[in-house]
Amino acid sequence: PNDPRGSTSRSIRSDLLKELGELHYGRKRVQ
């Protein structure tokens, strides 16, 4: 969900994964 390219996820369900970065819904313009 917090892939640096963006994702289609609307939430991050794992607290461990939340530490990797913020959720960005949709594909980021600058990859």
ModelCIF file with pLDDT and N, C-alpha, C, O atoms, coordinates in Angstrom:
data_MODEL
#
_entry.id   MODEL 
#
_entity.id                         1 
_entity.type                       polymer 
_entity.pdbx_number_of_molecules   1 
#
_entity_poly.entity_id                      1 
_entity_poly.type                           'polypeptide(L)' 
_entity_poly.nstd_linkage                   no 
_entity_poly.nstd_monomer                   no 
_entity_poly.pdbx_seq_one_letter_code       PNDPRGSTSRSIRSDLLKELGELHYGRKRVQ 
_entity_poly.pdbx_seq_one_letter_code_can   PNDPRGSTSRSIRSDLLKELGELHYGRKRVQ 
_entity_poly.pdbx_strand_id                 A 
#
loop_
_entity_poly_seq.entity_id 
_entity_poly_seq.num 
_entity_poly_seq.mon_id 
_entity_poly_seq.hetero 
1 1  PRO n 
1 2  ASN n 
1 3  ASP n 
1 4  PRO n 
1 5  ARG n 
1 6  GLY n 
1 7  SER n 
1 8  THR n 
1 9  SER n 
1 10 ARG n 
1 11 SER n 
1 12 ILE n 
1 13 ARG n 
1 14 SER n 
1 15 ASP n 
1 16 LEU n 
1 17 LEU n 
1 18 LYS n 
1 19 GLU n 
1 20 LEU n 
1 21 GLY n 
1 22 GLU n 
1 23 LEU n 
1 24 HIS n 
1 25 TYR n 
1 26 GLY n 
1 27 ARG n 
1 28 LYS n 
1 29 ARG n 
1 30 VAL n 
1 31 GLN n 
#
_struct_asym.id          A 
_struct_asym.entity_id   1 
#
loop_
_ma_qa_metric.id 
_ma_qa_metric.mode 
_ma_qa_metric.name 
_ma_qa_metric.software_group_id 
_ma_qa_metric.type 
1 global pLDDT . pLDDT 
2 local  pLDDT . pLDDT 
#
_ma_qa_metric_global.metric_id      1 
_ma_qa_metric_global.metric_value   88.52 
_ma_qa_metric_global.model_id       1 
_ma_qa_metric_global.ordinal_id     1 
#
loop_
_ma_qa_metric_local.label_asym_id 
_ma_qa_metric_local.label_comp_id 
_ma_qa_metric_local.label_seq_id 
_ma_qa_metric_local.metric_id 
_ma_qa_metric_local.metric_value 
_ma_qa_metric_local.model_id 
_ma_qa_metric_local.ordinal_id 
A PRO 1  2 90.00 1 1  
A ASN 2  2 92.00 1 2  
A ASP 3  2 92.00 1 3  
A PRO 4  2 93.00 1 4  
A ARG 5  2 92.00 1 5  
A GLY 6  2 91.00 1 6  
A SER 7  2 89.00 1 7  
A THR 8  2 84.00 1 8  
A SER 9  2 87.00 1 9  
A ARG 10 2 87.00 1 10 
A SER 11 2 88.00 1 11 
A ILE 12 2 88.00 1 12 
A ARG 13 2 85.00 1 13 
A SER 14 2 85.00 1 14 
A ASP 15 2 86.00 1 15 
A LEU 16 2 86.00 1 16 
A LEU 17 2 88.00 1 17 
A LYS 18 2 90.00 1 18 
A GLU 19 2 89.00 1 19 
A LEU 20 2 90.00 1 20 
A GLY 21 2 89.00 1 21 
A GLU 22 2 89.00 1 22 
A LEU 23 2 89.00 1 23 
A HIS 24 2 82.00 1 24 
A TYR 25 2 86.00 1 25 
A GLY 26 2 87.00 1 26 
A ARG 27 2 87.00 1 27 
A LYS 28 2 89.00 1 28 
A ARG 29 2 90.00 1 29 
A VAL 30 2 92.00 1 30 
A GLN 31 2 92.00 1 31 
#
loop_
_atom_site.group_PDB 
_atom_site.id 
_atom_site.type_symbol 
_atom_site.label_atom_id 
_atom_site.label_alt_id 
_atom_site.label_comp_id 
_atom_site.label_asym_id 
_atom_site.label_entity_id 
_atom_site.label_seq_id 
_atom_site.pdbx_PDB_ins_code 
_atom_site.Cartn_x 
_atom_site.Cartn_y 
_atom_site.Cartn_z 
_atom_site.occupancy 
_atom_site.B_iso_or_equiv 
_atom_site.pdbx_formal_charge 
_atom_site.auth_seq_id 
_atom_site.auth_comp_id 
_atom_site.auth_asym_id 
_atom_site.auth_atom_id 
_atom_site.pdbx_PDB_model_num 
ATOM 1   N N  . PRO A 1 1  ? 0.803  -1.230 0.000   1.00 90.00 ? 1  PRO A N  1 
ATOM 2   C CA . PRO A 1 1  ? 0.000  0.000  0.000   1.00 90.00 ? 1  PRO A CA 1 
ATOM 3   C C  . PRO A 1 1  ? 0.836  1.280  0.000   1.00 90.00 ? 1  PRO A C  1 
ATOM 4   O O  . PRO A 1 1  ? 0.410  2.299  -0.543  1.00 90.00 ? 1  PRO A O  1 
ATOM 5   N N  . ASN A 1 2  ? 2.010  1.230  0.600   1.00 92.00 ? 2  ASN A N  1 
ATOM 6   C CA . ASN A 1 2  ? 2.867  2.420  0.652   1.00 92.00 ? 2  ASN A CA 1 
ATOM 7   C C  . ASN A 1 2  ? 4.061  2.302  -0.295  1.00 92.00 ? 2  ASN A C  1 
ATOM 8   O O  . ASN A 1 2  ? 5.122  2.877  -0.054  1.00 92.00 ? 2  ASN A O  1 
ATOM 9   N N  . ASP A 1 3  ? 3.869  1.556  -1.359  1.00 92.00 ? 3  ASP A N  1 
ATOM 10  C CA . ASP A 1 3  ? 4.886  1.444  -2.404  1.00 92.00 ? 3  ASP A CA 1 
ATOM 11  C C  . ASP A 1 3  ? 5.252  2.853  -2.870  1.00 92.00 ? 3  ASP A C  1 
ATOM 12  O O  . ASP A 1 3  ? 4.361  3.682  -3.059  1.00 92.00 ? 3  ASP A O  1 
ATOM 13  N N  . PRO A 1 4  ? 6.524  3.140  -3.056  1.00 93.00 ? 4  PRO A N  1 
ATOM 14  C CA . PRO A 1 4  ? 6.930  4.496  -3.453  1.00 93.00 ? 4  PRO A CA 1 
ATOM 15  C C  . PRO A 1 4  ? 6.393  4.935  -4.820  1.00 93.00 ? 4  PRO A C  1 
ATOM 16  O O  . PRO A 1 4  ? 6.443  6.121  -5.147  1.00 93.00 ? 4  PRO A O  1 
ATOM 17  N N  . ARG A 1 5  ? 5.885  4.000  -5.616  1.00 92.00 ? 5  ARG A N  1 
ATOM 18  C CA . ARG A 1 5  ? 5.299  4.351  -6.920  1.00 92.00 ? 5  ARG A CA 1 
ATOM 19  C C  . ARG A 1 5  ? 3.837  4.773  -6.785  1.00 92.00 ? 5  ARG A C  1 
ATOM 20  O O  . ARG A 1 5  ? 3.253  5.300  -7.732  1.00 92.00 ? 5  ARG A O  1 
ATOM 21  N N  . GLY A 1 6  ? 3.235  4.540  -5.593  1.00 91.00 ? 6  GLY A N  1 
ATOM 22  C CA . GLY A 1 6  ? 1.810  4.748  -5.383  1.00 91.00 ? 6  GLY A CA 1 
ATOM 23  C C  . GLY A 1 6  ? 1.111  3.403  -5.458  1.00 91.00 ? 6  GLY A C  1 
ATOM 24  O O  . GLY A 1 6  ? 1.715  2.410  -5.865  1.00 91.00 ? 6  GLY A O  1 
ATOM 25  N N  . SER A 1 7  ? -0.163 3.363  -5.067  1.00 89.00 ? 7  SER A N  1 
ATOM 26  C CA . SER A 1 7  ? -0.903 2.099  -5.108  1.00 89.00 ? 7  SER A CA 1 
ATOM 27  C C  . SER A 1 7  ? -2.397 2.371  -5.186  1.00 89.00 ? 7  SER A C  1 
ATOM 28  O O  . SER A 1 7  ? -2.839 3.518  -5.117  1.00 89.00 ? 7  SER A O  1 
ATOM 29  N N  . THR A 1 8  ? -3.165 1.302  -5.331  1.00 84.00 ? 8  THR A N  1 
ATOM 30  C CA . THR A 1 8  ? -4.620 1.431  -5.328  1.00 84.00 ? 8  THR A CA 1 
ATOM 31  C C  . THR A 1 8  ? -5.208 1.097  -3.968  1.00 84.00 ? 8  THR A C  1 
ATOM 32  O O  . THR A 1 8  ? -6.428 1.024  -3.821  1.00 84.00 ? 8  THR A O  1 
ATOM 33  N N  . SER A 1 9  ? -4.364 0.897  -2.986  1.00 87.00 ? 9  SER A N  1 
ATOM 34  C CA . SER A 1 9  ? -4.833 0.610  -1.625  1.00 87.00 ? 9  SER A CA 1 
ATOM 35  C C  . SER A 1 9  ? -5.323 1.879  -0.954  1.00 87.00 ? 9  SER A C  1 
ATOM 36  O O  . SER A 1 9  ? -4.820 2.974  -1.206  1.00 87.00 ? 9  SER A O  1 
ATOM 37  N N  . ARG A 1 10 ? -6.304 1.709  -0.102  1.00 87.00 ? 10 ARG A N  1 
ATOM 38  C CA . ARG A 1 10 ? -6.858 2.849  0.632   1.00 87.00 ? 10 ARG A CA 1 
ATOM 39  C C  . ARG A 1 10 ? -6.465 2.826  2.107   1.00 87.00 ? 10 ARG A C  1 
ATOM 40  O O  . ARG A 1 10 ? -6.784 3.751  2.854   1.00 87.00 ? 10 ARG A O  1 
ATOM 41  N N  . SER A 1 11 ? -5.774 1.769  2.522   1.00 88.00 ? 11 SER A N  1 
ATOM 42  C CA . SER A 1 11 ? -5.325 1.690  3.917   1.00 88.00 ? 11 SER A CA 1 
ATOM 43  C C  . SER A 1 11 ? -4.116 0.772  4.024   1.00 88.00 ? 11 SER A C  1 
ATOM 44  O O  . SER A 1 11 ? -3.853 -0.052 3.148   1.00 88.00 ? 11 SER A O  1 
ATOM 45  N N  . ILE A 1 12 ? -3.391 0.941  5.122   1.00 88.00 ? 12 ILE A N  1 
ATOM 46  C CA . ILE A 1 12 ? -2.275 0.061  5.463   1.00 88.00 ? 12 ILE A CA 1 
ATOM 47  C C  . ILE A 1 12 ? -2.715 -0.666 6.725   1.00 88.00 ? 12 ILE A C  1 
ATOM 48  O O  . ILE A 1 12 ? -2.899 -0.039 7.769   1.00 88.00 ? 12 ILE A O  1 
ATOM 49  N N  . ARG A 1 13 ? -2.886 -1.986 6.640   1.00 85.00 ? 13 ARG A N  1 
ATOM 50  C CA . ARG A 1 13 ? -3.428 -2.752 7.760   1.00 85.00 ? 13 ARG A CA 1 
ATOM 51  C C  . ARG A 1 13 ? -2.376 -3.217 8.754   1.00 85.00 ? 13 ARG A C  1 
ATOM 52  O O  . ARG A 1 13 ? -2.718 -3.612 9.869   1.00 85.00 ? 13 ARG A O  1 
ATOM 53  N N  . SER A 1 14 ? -1.132 -3.178 8.383   1.00 85.00 ? 14 SER A N  1 
ATOM 54  C CA . SER A 1 14 ? -0.062 -3.667 9.258   1.00 85.00 ? 14 SER A CA 1 
ATOM 55  C C  . SER A 1 14 ? 0.715  -2.499 9.849   1.00 85.00 ? 14 SER A C  1 
ATOM 56  O O  . SER A 1 14 ? 1.201  -1.631 9.125   1.00 85.00 ? 14 SER A O  1 
ATOM 57  N N  . ASP A 1 15 ? 0.825  -2.489 11.176  1.00 86.00 ? 15 ASP A N  1 
ATOM 58  C CA . ASP A 1 15 ? 1.601  -1.437 11.834  1.00 86.00 ? 15 ASP A CA 1 
ATOM 59  C C  . ASP A 1 15 ? 3.068  -1.476 11.404  1.00 86.00 ? 15 ASP A C  1 
ATOM 60  O O  . ASP A 1 15 ? 3.708  -0.433 11.269  1.00 86.00 ? 15 ASP A O  1 
ATOM 61  N N  . LEU A 1 16 ? 3.597  -2.683 11.190  1.00 86.00 ? 16 LEU A N  1 
ATOM 62  C CA . LEU A 1 16 ? 4.989  -2.795 10.734  1.00 86.00 ? 16 LEU A CA 1 
ATOM 63  C C  . LEU A 1 16 ? 5.174  -2.157 9.365   1.00 86.00 ? 16 LEU A C  1 
ATOM 64  O O  . LEU A 1 16 ? 6.174  -1.483 9.119   1.00 86.00 ? 16 LEU A O  1 
ATOM 65  N N  . LEU A 1 17 ? 4.214  -2.368 8.476   1.00 88.00 ? 17 LEU A N  1 
ATOM 66  C CA . LEU A 1 17 ? 4.314  -1.777 7.134   1.00 88.00 ? 17 LEU A CA 1 
ATOM 67  C C  . LEU A 1 17 ? 4.141  -0.261 7.185   1.00 88.00 ? 17 LEU A C  1 
ATOM 68  O O  . LEU A 1 17 ? 4.733  0.450  6.372   1.00 88.00 ? 17 LEU A O  1 
ATOM 69  N N  . LYS A 1 18 ? 3.347  0.244  8.115   1.00 90.00 ? 18 LYS A N  1 
ATOM 70  C CA . LYS A 1 18 ? 3.149  1.691  8.239   1.00 90.00 ? 18 LYS A CA 1 
ATOM 71  C C  . LYS A 1 18 ? 4.468  2.412  8.469   1.00 90.00 ? 18 LYS A C  1 
ATOM 72  O O  . LYS A 1 18 ? 4.635  3.562  8.062   1.00 90.00 ? 18 LYS A O  1 
ATOM 73  N N  . GLU A 1 19 ? 5.404  1.731  9.122   1.00 89.00 ? 19 GLU A N  1 
ATOM 74  C CA . GLU A 1 19 ? 6.710  2.336  9.400   1.00 89.00 ? 19 GLU A CA 1 
ATOM 75  C C  . GLU A 1 19 ? 7.548  2.554  8.138   1.00 89.00 ? 19 GLU A C  1 
ATOM 76  O O  . GLU A 1 19 ? 8.521  3.308  8.166   1.00 89.00 ? 19 GLU A O  1 
ATOM 77  N N  . LEU A 1 20 ? 7.177  1.900  7.031   1.00 90.00 ? 20 LEU A N  1 
ATOM 78  C CA . LEU A 1 20 ? 7.938  2.021  5.788   1.00 90.00 ? 20 LEU A CA 1 
ATOM 79  C C  . LEU A 1 20 ? 7.618  3.296  5.011   1.00 90.00 ? 20 LEU A C  1 
ATOM 80  O O  . LEU A 1 20 ? 8.369  3.685  4.117   1.00 90.00 ? 20 LEU A O  1 
ATOM 81  N N  . GLY A 1 21 ? 6.509  3.945  5.349   1.00 89.00 ? 21 GLY A N  1 
ATOM 82  C CA . GLY A 1 21 ? 6.157  5.165  4.630   1.00 89.00 ? 21 GLY A CA 1 
ATOM 83  C C  . GLY A 1 21 ? 4.657  5.352  4.565   1.00 89.00 ? 21 GLY A C  1 
ATOM 84  O O  . GLY A 1 21 ? 3.880  4.474  4.941   1.00 89.00 ? 21 GLY A O  1 
ATOM 85  N N  . GLU A 1 22 ? 4.272  6.514  4.078   1.00 89.00 ? 22 GLU A N  1 
ATOM 86  C CA . GLU A 1 22 ? 2.860  6.878  4.012   1.00 89.00 ? 22 GLU A CA 1 
ATOM 87  C C  . GLU A 1 22 ? 2.178  6.257  2.806   1.00 89.00 ? 22 GLU A C  1 
ATOM 88  O O  . GLU A 1 22 ? 2.809  5.923  1.804   1.00 89.00 ? 22 GLU A O  1 
ATOM 89  N N  . LEU A 1 23 ? 0.878  6.115  2.938   1.00 89.00 ? 23 LEU A N  1 
ATOM 90  C CA . LEU A 1 23 ? 0.046  5.638  1.851   1.00 89.00 ? 23 LEU A CA 1 
ATOM 91  C C  . LEU A 1 23 ? -0.066 6.741  0.795   1.00 89.00 ? 23 LEU A C  1 
ATOM 92  O O  . LEU A 1 23 ? -0.265 7.911  1.122   1.00 89.00 ? 23 LEU A O  1 
ATOM 93  N N  . HIS A 1 24 ? 0.063  6.354  -0.460  1.00 82.00 ? 24 HIS A N  1 
ATOM 94  C CA . HIS A 1 24 ? -0.190 7.296  -1.562  1.00 82.00 ? 24 HIS A CA 1 
ATOM 95  C C  . HIS A 1 24 ? -1.138 6.612  -2.513  1.00 82.00 ? 24 HIS A C  1 
ATOM 96  O O  . HIS A 1 24 ? -0.744 5.697  -3.237  1.00 82.00 ? 24 HIS A O  1 
ATOM 97  N N  . TYR A 1 25 ? -2.408 7.051  -2.521  1.00 86.00 ? 25 TYR A N  1 
ATOM 98  C CA . TYR A 1 25 ? -3.396 6.427  -3.393  1.00 86.00 ? 25 TYR A CA 1 
ATOM 99  C C  . TYR A 1 25 ? -3.193 6.915  -4.825  1.00 86.00 ? 25 TYR A C  1 
ATOM 100 O O  . TYR A 1 25 ? -3.094 8.116  -5.078  1.00 86.00 ? 25 TYR A O  1 
ATOM 101 N N  . GLY A 1 26 ? -3.133 5.979  -5.739  1.00 87.00 ? 26 GLY A N  1 
ATOM 102 C CA . GLY A 1 26 ? -2.943 6.304  -7.147  1.00 87.00 ? 26 GLY A CA 1 
ATOM 103 C C  . GLY A 1 26 ? -1.474 6.269  -7.532  1.00 87.00 ? 26 GLY A C  1 
ATOM 104 O O  . GLY A 1 26 ? -0.586 6.258  -6.679  1.00 87.00 ? 26 GLY A O  1 
ATOM 105 N N  . ARG A 1 27 ? -1.252 6.252  -8.791  1.00 87.00 ? 27 ARG A N  1 
ATOM 106 C CA . ARG A 1 27 ? 0.114  6.216  -9.320  1.00 87.00 ? 27 ARG A CA 1 
ATOM 107 C C  . ARG A 1 27 ? 0.728  7.606  -9.186  1.00 87.00 ? 27 ARG A C  1 
ATOM 108 O O  . ARG A 1 27 ? 0.107  8.596  -9.575  1.00 87.00 ? 27 ARG A O  1 
ATOM 109 N N  . LYS A 1 28 ? 1.933  7.689  -8.644  1.00 89.00 ? 28 LYS A N  1 
ATOM 110 C CA . LYS A 1 28 ? 2.601  8.988  -8.497  1.00 89.00 ? 28 LYS A CA 1 
ATOM 111 C C  . LYS A 1 28 ? 3.008  9.512  -9.866  1.00 89.00 ? 28 LYS A C  1 
ATOM 112 O O  . LYS A 1 28 ? 3.442  8.758  -10.736 1.00 89.00 ? 28 LYS A O  1 
ATOM 113 N N  . ARG A 1 29 ? 2.857  10.823 -10.035 1.00 90.00 ? 29 ARG A N  1 
ATOM 114 C CA . ARG A 1 29 ? 3.221  11.453 -11.317 1.00 90.00 ? 29 ARG A CA 1 
ATOM 115 C C  . ARG A 1 29 ? 4.706  11.286 -11.615 1.00 90.00 ? 29 ARG A C  1 
ATOM 116 O O  . ARG A 1 29 ? 5.088  10.921 -12.727 1.00 90.00 ? 29 ARG A O  1 
ATOM 117 N N  . VAL A 1 30 ? 5.528  11.552 -10.623 1.00 92.00 ? 30 VAL A N  1 
ATOM 118 C CA . VAL A 1 30 ? 6.977  11.393 -10.771 1.00 92.00 ? 30 VAL A CA 1 
ATOM 119 C C  . VAL A 1 30 ? 7.351  10.082 -10.090 1.00 92.00 ? 30 VAL A C  1 
ATOM 120 O O  . VAL A 1 30 ? 7.190  9.921  -8.881  1.00 92.00 ? 30 VAL A O  1 
ATOM 121 N N  . GLN A 1 31 ? 7.844  9.166  -10.881 1.00 92.00 ? 31 GLN A N  1 
ATOM 122 C CA . GLN A 1 31 ? 8.166  7.836  -10.373 1.00 92.00 ? 31 GLN A CA 1 
ATOM 123 C C  . GLN A 1 31 ? 9.559  7.805  -9.745  1.00 92.00 ? 31 GLN A C  1 
ATOM 124 O O  . GLN A 1 31 ? 9.997  6.760  -9.264  1.00 92.00 ? 31 GLN A O  1 
#
